Amino acid sequence: MAKGRKSRTELKSSKLKHHSRNKNRLSSPFSSFAQKFPVQMQSWKDTRLPNMLWACLLASGMKREAYFSLCHAMCDVAHARSEEAFQFITHQRLAEADAETFLQVMIPITETPDAISILRPIRLLRTLPDAAHWETILSDPVPETDWHSLAKAIALCFDHQSQPSTDVRWLKLMYFVASGKMRMPPNMLERLLNYPADENHNTSGGFARASESNFSMEIDGKTPSIDGAFDTEAFWKECYESSSCHPAAMEKDNSVDSEKIAHELLALYEAVAIHFSKTIASTDIDPRHDSSFALVLYALYLLLGLTSTRLDQRAEGRVTLRCIAEAFITLHWLTKKDDPSIWTQHRNYGVGQSKLSLLKNVDLDEVPDFLDLSELEVYANEDYWQEFTDIDLGAWANKNLRTLADESGAKEVYDKYYDWSSAYVHSNWGALRDTVMTPCLNPLHRFHRVPRSPKFEMPSVLADGSKLVNRMIDDLNTLYPTFKPRISWHHKESGDKTKAGKPSRE
């Protein structure tokens, strides 16, 4: 087991620090820009890729040198006929050309047998607006192989920044320039002409992609909302109905020796209980002593529960980790403040919540099965008669958990463990996507999300939970020294040299 997962991803987008905050919303840099300068959103994969499907087939099926040789030949034809040249090569615009013009545009392709063979899958599709033109130069399709070729082309060009999609977008833009319908300053034109020979692929390729996107509305033609436009949703529907879904299987064996871990956690639980008895000063109500030990024991209790039936690798484990993180932040803040009135406030809030639950359910005809009203009544009256107990409907410390984390210097714990684990508590889309949905591996289906078999093989939360519990014991040791035992199994698994029994500051 690795001591800690390192980030392996270099973001191609803005980081959190680049987002601007307005009340409870963090706006990305592009969103902030779009608010000042409204832009019309457009999608490469949804609309522009289908409109250049023929070029995607060539870019995925030909050697790159041959592809660019063919592209340059097509641009040469357009440049030679600049005044009368047909300047658009998207499927929607090609549909507007007459048969003679279409053949003139495609002269380099019709003279290249390999290209004609590679483009044959186009004949499978009835939704392409220029399908009638392609029937004149392409042979009948072979569905057994051509659907596979079509899927391969879409897969390779699906990412708008991939090399094949950049090659296609470059051709789309370059042909428009070669036909004389678009003029560029010499330095910008040189960047286009140097692609893909330019060693700085990101510079020249990025320029081609940005330019294609900026001029796509003009090059592509009518927008989907206008009659006569290429109905790309009909295209994707045709692809979906012509092939089957292939749900991805992404199971991984992330199991740990939970039985061995359970023995260590149980021994630590018992050690904490013994330390409770050694440090007790009075049998009177002692919110500081009771709550500090109870928070640690509760976190250990939750962690122990995860060691049965591999719950540490399921969504329940993420929910439990969130609970442990909240218990840690609460104890850490209480320890930093170490104010008798605040310890009492924490205890009284919990008593009030017991009373609230009791009063809400006591007169119901049908009480939830998980509730035991007799126990709730005991908890509500244990410290004082409940008639003397007020109910606080807000947060127990009149602060949210993030504020507690900030004030106690535990913000890194909140950031690491609380945000994503909360998704599983609130049934956010991210948690739903992670547990019960998976990508369909069929490119013809746009890699859409489909139901998956229940995901019971997530990375275990036991190591993270153990780190948090160790830090809670550090706080307990601050309040009631000296207590040396700590959880150590995760150090041994990772080969870490930290000695068991020594307080760890992970």
Foldseek 3Di string as FASTA:
>chain_A
DALDDDDPDDDPADDQVQWDDDPPDTHHPVRVVCVVPPDDDDDCLQPVCLQLLLLLLVLQQDDPVVSVVLLVVLLVLLLVQLVPQQQADTLLSLLVDDLVNNCSSCVSQLVDVSSLVSSQLLCVDPLRSNNVSNPVRHDHDDVVCSLVSSLSSLVQLVPCLHPSNLVSLLSRVSSNVSSVVDDDPPVLVVLSVCPPVPPPNCVSSVSSSVVSVVCVPVRQDDDCVDPSHRVSVVVLVVLDVVDDFAFDDDFDAQDDQLVVLLVQLVVVLVLLVVLLVVQDDDPADQLVSVLLSVLLSVLSVLLSVCSPPNVLQALNVLLSLQVLLLSLLVLLLCLVVVDRVLSVLVLLQVLLVLVVLLVVAVPDPDHDPVDDNVVSCCSNPVNHRVVPRDHDPDPSVNDDSCVSCVVSVNNVSCVPRHPVSVCSVVVPPVNCCVFFWGFGPRSSNVRDIDGDDGHSRHNGCSSVSQLSSLSSVVSVCVVRDDFFAGRCPSCVVNVHPDDGRHRDDD
